[in-house]
Structures are given as structure tokens and as C-alpha cells.
């Protein structure tokens, strides 16, 4: 069983995982918060100075941990082949107690917020289609903070509300944001295609 020594706010907690890619004991040094449950961090082998940048998503309480387990399952099953392509790399889920509360810690590749999605909105739609083709609907992409980037490539995060999905697909939107309705399109793809499809960045379509 792999262990994680979580160093956070001058305290140290030991979390465990049966499924972590690395069975070597790890150390995570929690840094500044990105949101109320997501933090920048540095990772490393236990006993060494942590240097590898990562992002930690922390959950406290049984219900929150179950959502984190659901998200981890999608990362490592349906979406496994898309890690490092359409979604961040996933480095494991560790569980234990933090301040006496059942907690979980999902470790992901360090990405940065997407400053301007229009820089590569077509690649975002391609990545979203790959996620749907893998059998997952995100159910939360109306919020742009679920889109980050690694280098110049957009990646999609936060699958806590996602569900397994048999996608009927969707035709690309034209320059006016219209989607072919001759066949019933996937609601999520159709909605986002109207926003980020061919219409985006096209002066004639605005």
C-alpha cells in the first residue's frame, strides 16, 4: 500500500492508497490555494525535498470523498488514454484522516488557468469530443474555470459531476453558431459547439 506524507499548515498527515501508480512513499508539500479545495503543491519521494509541481484536490467528509473517488475512477478507467492529452495526468488518490475527518487527496498534473480560450477553442472542442467518445459527459463546462492549459494545449478538469454517457455526437456549428438539427445532437456538445465552434473568433459570425 502506497503512503503519502501530506505536509499542510505546519501539520503532517499520513494518507494511503491501494491504487497509486507509484508504490514508493511520497511527500506532498501543500502550497497556496487555487480554490477552496484545490491547492498548488510540490511532490517528491519520502525523505527528499519535494520539487515536482502538482495540483492537489482535497475532499473532507464521506460525501465529498465519494465524489473524489468517482472522479478518480473516471480518470483511471474511461479517460485513462486521454491523460496528458485532453485531461491532466493523474498521479493517484490517497485517503485517510485530516484533523479527525475522513479525507481524500487527488493528485493531478500541474496546469495553469486558461487565459483566453479563443486562442485554441477548436482544440478544446476536439478534446471535449474525445472525452465524449470515451463515454463521459462532463456536466459542468458552462464554467470556464474547468478548462486549464498545459503549454498551449487546453485540458479539461473537474469530473466530480460527470457521468458515463453514450454520446450521439454533434455536427460542427457553422459560422453563425448553427448546429445541424436533422439528427438529435448531444446536448453538451451542441451547447458548447455554439460557443466555441466555428463561430468563435470569426468576425463574420459575431
C-alpha atoms as a PDB file:
ATOM      1  CA  UNK A   1       0.000   0.000   0.000  1.00  0.00           C
ATOM      2  CA  UNK A   2       1.397   3.385  -1.024  1.00  0.00           C
ATOM      3  CA  UNK A   3       1.567   6.206   1.510  1.00  0.00           C
ATOM      4  CA  UNK A   4       1.508   9.986   1.176  1.00  0.00           C
ATOM      5  CA  UNK A   5       3.002  12.262   3.816  1.00  0.00           C
ATOM      6  CA  UNK A   6       0.856  15.382   3.425  1.00  0.00           C
ATOM      7  CA  UNK A   7       2.557  18.479   4.854  1.00  0.00           C
ATOM      8  CA  UNK A   8      -0.041  21.194   5.298  1.00  0.00           C
ATOM      9  CA  UNK A   9      -0.184  24.287   7.526  1.00  0.00           C
ATOM     10  CA  UNK A  10       2.659  23.162   9.792  1.00  0.00           C
ATOM     11  CA  UNK A  11       0.992  19.770  10.278  1.00  0.00           C
ATOM     12  CA  UNK A  12       1.743  16.368   8.791  1.00  0.00           C
ATOM     13  CA  UNK A  13      -0.839  13.740   7.836  1.00  0.00           C
ATOM     14  CA  UNK A  14      -0.367  10.208   6.519  1.00  0.00           C
ATOM     15  CA  UNK A  15      -2.778   9.154   3.759  1.00  0.00           C
ATOM     16  CA  UNK A  16      -2.822   5.797   1.986  1.00  0.00           C
ATOM     17  CA  UNK A  17      -3.658   4.376  -1.434  1.00  0.00           C
ATOM     18  CA  UNK A  18      -4.019   0.848  -2.776  1.00  0.00           C
ATOM     19  CA  UNK A  19      -4.078   2.057  -6.380  1.00  0.00           C
ATOM     20  CA  UNK A  20      -1.425   4.783  -6.697  1.00  0.00           C
ATOM     21  CA  UNK A  21       0.801   4.395  -9.807  1.00  0.00           C
ATOM     22  CA  UNK A  22       3.887   4.556  -7.589  1.00  0.00           C
ATOM     23  CA  UNK A  23       4.108   2.317  -4.534  1.00  0.00           C
ATOM     24  CA  UNK A  24       7.037   4.350  -3.188  1.00  0.00           C
ATOM     25  CA  UNK A  25       6.192   6.545  -0.170  1.00  0.00           C
ATOM     26  CA  UNK A  26       5.564  10.104  -1.345  1.00  0.00           C
ATOM     27  CA  UNK A  27       5.636  13.546   0.254  1.00  0.00           C
ATOM     28  CA  UNK A  28       3.339  16.403  -0.773  1.00  0.00           C
ATOM     29  CA  UNK A  29       4.009  19.929   0.447  1.00  0.00           C
ATOM     30  CA  UNK A  30       0.772  21.918   0.171  1.00  0.00           C
ATOM     31  CA  UNK A  31       1.166  25.473  -1.131  1.00  0.00           C
ATOM     32  CA  UNK A  32      -1.219  28.315  -1.921  1.00  0.00           C
ATOM     33  CA  UNK A  33      -4.872  27.610  -2.635  1.00  0.00           C
ATOM     34  CA  UNK A  34      -6.318  27.850  -6.145  1.00  0.00           C
ATOM     35  CA  UNK A  35      -9.919  27.370  -4.961  1.00  0.00           C
ATOM     36  CA  UNK A  36     -11.309  26.415  -1.563  1.00  0.00           C
ATOM     37  CA  UNK A  37     -10.407  22.742  -2.111  1.00  0.00           C
ATOM     38  CA  UNK A  38      -7.666  22.842  -4.778  1.00  0.00           C
ATOM     39  CA  UNK A  39      -4.043  23.678  -3.975  1.00  0.00           C
ATOM     40  CA  UNK A  40      -0.702  24.071  -5.637  1.00  0.00           C
ATOM     41  CA  UNK A  41       1.803  21.596  -4.246  1.00  0.00           C
ATOM     42  CA  UNK A  42       5.253  20.120  -4.614  1.00  0.00           C
ATOM     43  CA  UNK A  43       5.781  16.346  -4.689  1.00  0.00           C
ATOM     44  CA  UNK A  44       8.736  14.105  -4.062  1.00  0.00           C
ATOM     45  CA  UNK A  45       9.852  10.751  -2.718  1.00  0.00           C
ATOM     46  CA  UNK A  46       9.618  10.475   1.051  1.00  0.00           C
ATOM     47  CA  UNK A  47      12.751  11.760   2.761  1.00  0.00           C
ATOM     48  CA  UNK A  48      13.694  14.041  -0.139  1.00  0.00           C
ATOM     49  CA  UNK A  49      12.898  17.702  -0.739  1.00  0.00           C
ATOM     50  CA  UNK A  50       9.685  17.907  -2.831  1.00  0.00           C
ATOM     51  CA  UNK A  51      10.368  19.632  -6.167  1.00  0.00           C
ATOM     52  CA  UNK A  52       7.811  18.297  -8.684  1.00  0.00           C
ATOM     53  CA  UNK A  53       4.925  20.719  -9.220  1.00  0.00           C
ATOM     54  CA  UNK A  54       1.447  19.236  -8.890  1.00  0.00           C
ATOM     55  CA  UNK A  55      -2.127  20.145  -8.019  1.00  0.00           C
ATOM     56  CA  UNK A  56      -3.949  18.597  -5.057  1.00  0.00           C
ATOM     57  CA  UNK A  57      -7.725  18.361  -4.858  1.00  0.00           C
ATOM     58  CA  UNK A  58      -8.750  17.756  -1.257  1.00  0.00           C
ATOM     59  CA  UNK A  59     -12.077  16.424  -0.004  1.00  0.00           C
ATOM     60  CA  UNK A  60     -13.203  16.290   3.637  1.00  0.00           C
ATOM     61  CA  UNK A  61     -16.191  14.235   4.767  1.00  0.00           C
ATOM     62  CA  UNK A  62     -17.644  10.986   3.410  1.00  0.00           C
ATOM     63  CA  UNK A  63     -19.844  12.581   0.719  1.00  0.00           C
ATOM     64  CA  UNK A  64     -17.016  14.725  -0.654  1.00  0.00           C
ATOM     65  CA  UNK A  65     -14.633  11.753  -0.652  1.00  0.00           C
ATOM     66  CA  UNK A  66     -17.166   9.676  -2.622  1.00  0.00           C
ATOM     67  CA  UNK A  67     -17.264  12.388  -5.302  1.00  0.00           C
ATOM     68  CA  UNK A  68     -13.466  12.377  -5.396  1.00  0.00           C
ATOM     69  CA  UNK A  69     -13.457   8.571  -5.749  1.00  0.00           C
ATOM     70  CA  UNK A  70     -15.914   8.901  -8.636  1.00  0.00           C
ATOM     71  CA  UNK A  71     -13.659  11.452 -10.321  1.00  0.00           C
ATOM     72  CA  UNK A  72     -10.584   9.270  -9.816  1.00  0.00           C
ATOM     73  CA  UNK A  73     -12.417   6.293 -11.319  1.00  0.00           C
ATOM     74  CA  UNK A  74     -13.146   8.281 -14.493  1.00  0.00           C
ATOM     75  CA  UNK A  75      -9.537   9.487 -14.732  1.00  0.00           C
ATOM     76  CA  UNK A  76      -8.167   5.953 -14.437  1.00  0.00           C
ATOM     77  CA  UNK A  77     -10.807   3.967 -16.351  1.00  0.00           C
ATOM     78  CA  UNK A  78     -12.881   5.639 -19.075  1.00  0.00           C
ATOM     79  CA  UNK A  79     -10.482   8.578 -19.540  1.00  0.00           C
ATOM     80  CA  UNK A  80      -7.176   6.817 -18.890  1.00  0.00           C
ATOM     81  CA  UNK A  81      -5.957   7.047 -22.506  1.00  0.00           C
ATOM     82  CA  UNK A  82      -6.665  10.810 -22.558  1.00  0.00           C
ATOM     83  CA  UNK A  83      -4.392  11.677 -19.630  1.00  0.00           C
ATOM     84  CA  UNK A  84      -1.801  14.203 -20.777  1.00  0.00           C
ATOM     85  CA  UNK A  85      -3.847  14.879 -23.929  1.00  0.00           C
ATOM     86  CA  UNK A  86      -7.347  16.136 -23.119  1.00  0.00           C
ATOM     87  CA  UNK A  87      -7.126  15.933 -19.326  1.00  0.00           C
ATOM     88  CA  UNK A  88      -4.264  16.288 -16.829  1.00  0.00           C
ATOM     89  CA  UNK A  89      -2.120  13.348 -15.804  1.00  0.00           C
ATOM     90  CA  UNK A  90      -3.457  11.705 -12.637  1.00  0.00           C
ATOM     91  CA  UNK A  91      -0.917  10.585 -10.039  1.00  0.00           C
ATOM     92  CA  UNK A  92      -3.180   8.895  -7.530  1.00  0.00           C
ATOM     93  CA  UNK A  93      -5.888   9.150  -4.898  1.00  0.00           C
ATOM     94  CA  UNK A  94      -4.914   8.892  -1.242  1.00  0.00           C
ATOM     95  CA  UNK A  95      -7.305   8.623   1.696  1.00  0.00           C
ATOM     96  CA  UNK A  96      -7.097   8.905   5.455  1.00  0.00           C
ATOM     97  CA  UNK A  97      -7.953  11.357   8.213  1.00  0.00           C
ATOM     98  CA  UNK A  98      -7.161  15.068   8.372  1.00  0.00           C
ATOM     99  CA  UNK A  99      -7.889  16.629  11.760  1.00  0.00           C
ATOM    100  CA  UNK A 100     -10.041  13.606  12.621  1.00  0.00           C
ATOM    101  CA  UNK A 101     -12.186  13.885   9.466  1.00  0.00           C
ATOM    102  CA  UNK A 102     -12.282  11.250   6.694  1.00  0.00           C
ATOM    103  CA  UNK A 103     -10.484  12.898   3.771  1.00  0.00           C
ATOM    104  CA  UNK A 104      -9.202  12.270   0.268  1.00  0.00           C
ATOM    105  CA  UNK A 105      -6.426  13.802  -1.823  1.00  0.00           C
ATOM    106  CA  UNK A 106      -6.427  13.557  -5.630  1.00  0.00           C
ATOM    107  CA  UNK A 107      -3.054  14.393  -7.192  1.00  0.00           C
ATOM    108  CA  UNK A 108      -3.012  15.844 -10.701  1.00  0.00           C
ATOM    109  CA  UNK A 109      -0.519  17.273 -13.156  1.00  0.00           C
ATOM    110  CA  UNK A 110       0.189  20.969 -12.670  1.00  0.00           C
ATOM    111  CA  UNK A 111      -1.656  23.030 -15.286  1.00  0.00           C
ATOM    112  CA  UNK A 112      -2.471  26.742 -15.351  1.00  0.00           C
ATOM    113  CA  UNK A 113      -5.777  28.586 -15.823  1.00  0.00           C
ATOM    114  CA  UNK A 114      -6.797  29.155 -19.430  1.00  0.00           C
ATOM    115  CA  UNK A 115      -6.265  32.875 -20.017  1.00  0.00           C
ATOM    116  CA  UNK A 116      -8.124  33.115 -23.312  1.00  0.00           C
ATOM    117  CA  UNK A 117      -9.900  30.022 -24.593  1.00  0.00           C
ATOM    118  CA  UNK A 118     -10.385  31.621 -28.020  1.00  0.00           C
ATOM    119  CA  UNK A 119      -6.669  31.152 -28.612  1.00  0.00           C
ATOM    120  CA  UNK A 120      -7.404  27.468 -29.198  1.00  0.00           C
ATOM    121  CA  UNK A 121     -11.144  26.938 -28.942  1.00  0.00           C
ATOM    122  CA  UNK A 122     -11.197  24.384 -31.774  1.00  0.00           C
ATOM    123  CA  UNK A 123      -8.682  22.193 -29.919  1.00  0.00           C
ATOM    124  CA  UNK A 124     -10.874  22.481 -26.833  1.00  0.00           C
ATOM    125  CA  UNK A 125     -13.840  21.139 -28.812  1.00  0.00           C
ATOM    126  CA  UNK A 126     -11.696  18.323 -30.224  1.00  0.00           C
ATOM    127  CA  UNK A 127     -10.629  17.375 -26.699  1.00  0.00           C
ATOM    128  CA  UNK A 128     -14.209  17.502 -25.456  1.00  0.00           C
ATOM    129  CA  UNK A 129     -15.286  15.228 -28.321  1.00  0.00           C
ATOM    130  CA  UNK A 130     -12.554  12.764 -27.315  1.00  0.00           C
ATOM    131  CA  UNK A 131     -13.922  12.745 -23.767  1.00  0.00           C
ATOM    132  CA  UNK A 132     -17.436  12.091 -25.060  1.00  0.00           C
ATOM    133  CA  UNK A 133     -16.157   9.383 -27.405  1.00  0.00           C
ATOM    134  CA  UNK A 134     -14.594   7.723 -24.348  1.00  0.00           C
ATOM    135  CA  UNK A 135     -18.069   7.606 -22.817  1.00  0.00           C
ATOM    136  CA  UNK A 136     -18.100  10.556 -20.398  1.00  0.00           C
ATOM    137  CA  UNK A 137     -20.236  13.710 -20.219  1.00  0.00           C
ATOM    138  CA  UNK A 138     -18.690  16.461 -18.081  1.00  0.00           C
ATOM    139  CA  UNK A 139     -21.889  18.276 -16.993  1.00  0.00           C
ATOM    140  CA  UNK A 140     -20.125  21.423 -15.830  1.00  0.00           C
ATOM    141  CA  UNK A 141     -18.369  23.142 -18.712  1.00  0.00           C
ATOM    142  CA  UNK A 142     -20.567  26.227 -18.573  1.00  0.00           C
ATOM    143  CA  UNK A 143     -17.909  27.389 -16.103  1.00  0.00           C
ATOM    144  CA  UNK A 144     -14.665  28.243 -17.907  1.00  0.00           C
ATOM    145  CA  UNK A 145     -12.624  27.561 -14.757  1.00  0.00           C
ATOM    146  CA  UNK A 146     -12.994  23.874 -15.630  1.00  0.00           C
ATOM    147  CA  UNK A 147     -10.631  24.488 -18.552  1.00  0.00           C
ATOM    148  CA  UNK A 148      -6.878  24.784 -17.973  1.00  0.00           C
ATOM    149  CA  UNK A 149      -3.835  24.560 -20.193  1.00  0.00           C
ATOM    150  CA  UNK A 150      -0.522  22.738 -20.344  1.00  0.00           C
ATOM    151  CA  UNK A 151       1.786  24.630 -22.653  1.00  0.00           C
ATOM    152  CA  UNK A 152      -0.565  25.825 -25.398  1.00  0.00           C
ATOM    153  CA  UNK A 153      -2.942  22.850 -25.127  1.00  0.00           C
ATOM    154  CA  UNK A 154      -6.318  23.158 -23.371  1.00  0.00           C
ATOM    155  CA  UNK A 155      -7.164  20.442 -20.856  1.00  0.00           C
ATOM    156  CA  UNK A 156     -10.438  19.776 -19.094  1.00  0.00           C
ATOM    157  CA  UNK A 157     -10.684  19.249 -15.327  1.00  0.00           C
ATOM    158  CA  UNK A 158     -13.167  18.590 -12.503  1.00  0.00           C
ATOM    159  CA  UNK A 159     -15.139  15.463 -13.323  1.00  0.00           C
ATOM    160  CA  UNK A 160     -16.888  15.285  -9.947  1.00  0.00           C
ATOM    161  CA  UNK A 161     -20.309  15.771 -11.581  1.00  0.00           C
ATOM    162  CA  UNK A 162     -19.514  13.837 -14.768  1.00  0.00           C
ATOM    163  CA  UNK A 163     -21.341  10.670 -15.744  1.00  0.00           C
ATOM    164  CA  UNK A 164     -20.894   7.731 -18.055  1.00  0.00           C
ATOM    165  CA  UNK A 165     -22.511   8.714 -21.328  1.00  0.00           C
ATOM    166  CA  UNK A 166     -23.402   7.131 -24.656  1.00  0.00           C
ATOM    167  CA  UNK A 167     -22.831  10.094 -26.932  1.00  0.00           C
ATOM    168  CA  UNK A 168     -24.890  10.545 -30.125  1.00  0.00           C
ATOM    169  CA  UNK A 169     -22.351  13.102 -31.379  1.00  0.00           C
ATOM    170  CA  UNK A 170     -22.879  16.550 -32.821  1.00  0.00           C
ATOM    171  CA  UNK A 171     -22.170  18.252 -36.138  1.00  0.00           C
ATOM    172  CA  UNK A 172     -19.780  21.235 -36.035  1.00  0.00           C
ATOM    173  CA  UNK A 173     -21.522  24.606 -35.810  1.00  0.00           C
ATOM    174  CA  UNK A 174     -21.388  26.848 -38.858  1.00  0.00           C
ATOM    175  CA  UNK A 175     -20.023  30.405 -38.792  1.00  0.00           C
ATOM    176  CA  UNK A 176     -23.345  31.623 -37.409  1.00  0.00           C
ATOM    177  CA  UNK A 177     -23.308  29.167 -34.496  1.00  0.00           C
ATOM    178  CA  UNK A 178     -25.973  26.919 -36.004  1.00  0.00           C
ATOM    179  CA  UNK A 179     -25.859  23.161 -35.388  1.00  0.00           C
ATOM    180  CA  UNK A 180     -27.470  20.660 -37.775  1.00  0.00           C
ATOM    181  CA  UNK A 181     -30.702  19.508 -36.129  1.00  0.00           C
ATOM    182  CA  UNK A 182     -31.602  16.820 -38.656  1.00  0.00           C
ATOM    183  CA  UNK A 183     -30.331  14.344 -36.082  1.00  0.00           C
ATOM    184  CA  UNK A 184     -30.658  14.815 -32.328  1.00  0.00           C
ATOM    185  CA  UNK A 185     -27.252  16.082 -31.148  1.00  0.00           C
ATOM    186  CA  UNK A 186     -25.599  15.562 -27.791  1.00  0.00           C
ATOM    187  CA  UNK A 187     -26.867  18.447 -25.602  1.00  0.00           C
ATOM    188  CA  UNK A 188     -23.475  19.210 -24.034  1.00  0.00           C
ATOM    189  CA  UNK A 189     -21.583  19.113 -27.335  1.00  0.00           C
ATOM    190  CA  UNK A 190     -24.252  21.168 -29.120  1.00  0.00           C
ATOM    191  CA  UNK A 191     -24.280  23.869 -26.427  1.00  0.00           C
ATOM    192  CA  UNK A 192     -20.503  24.226 -26.355  1.00  0.00           C
ATOM    193  CA  UNK A 193     -20.153  23.968 -30.124  1.00  0.00           C
ATOM    194  CA  UNK A 194     -22.340  27.058 -30.429  1.00  0.00           C
ATOM    195  CA  UNK A 195     -19.998  28.905 -28.067  1.00  0.00           C
ATOM    196  CA  UNK A 196     -16.571  27.582 -29.024  1.00  0.00           C
ATOM    197  CA  UNK A 197     -17.099  26.190 -32.514  1.00  0.00           C
ATOM    198  CA  UNK A 198     -16.536  27.846 -35.887  1.00  0.00           C
ATOM    199  CA  UNK A 199     -18.409  30.949 -34.756  1.00  0.00           C
ATOM    200  CA  UNK A 200     -15.717  31.726 -32.184  1.00  0.00           C
ATOM    201  CA  UNK A 201     -13.115  34.180 -33.387  1.00  0.00           C
ATOM    202  CA  UNK A 202     -14.912  34.657 -36.704  1.00  0.00           C
ATOM    203  CA  UNK A 203     -15.778  38.365 -37.117  1.00  0.00           C
ATOM    204  CA  UNK A 204     -18.439  37.446 -39.666  1.00  0.00           C
ATOM    205  CA  UNK A 205     -20.120  35.202 -37.103  1.00  0.00           C
ATOM    206  CA  UNK A 206     -20.352  37.780 -34.343  1.00  0.00           C
END
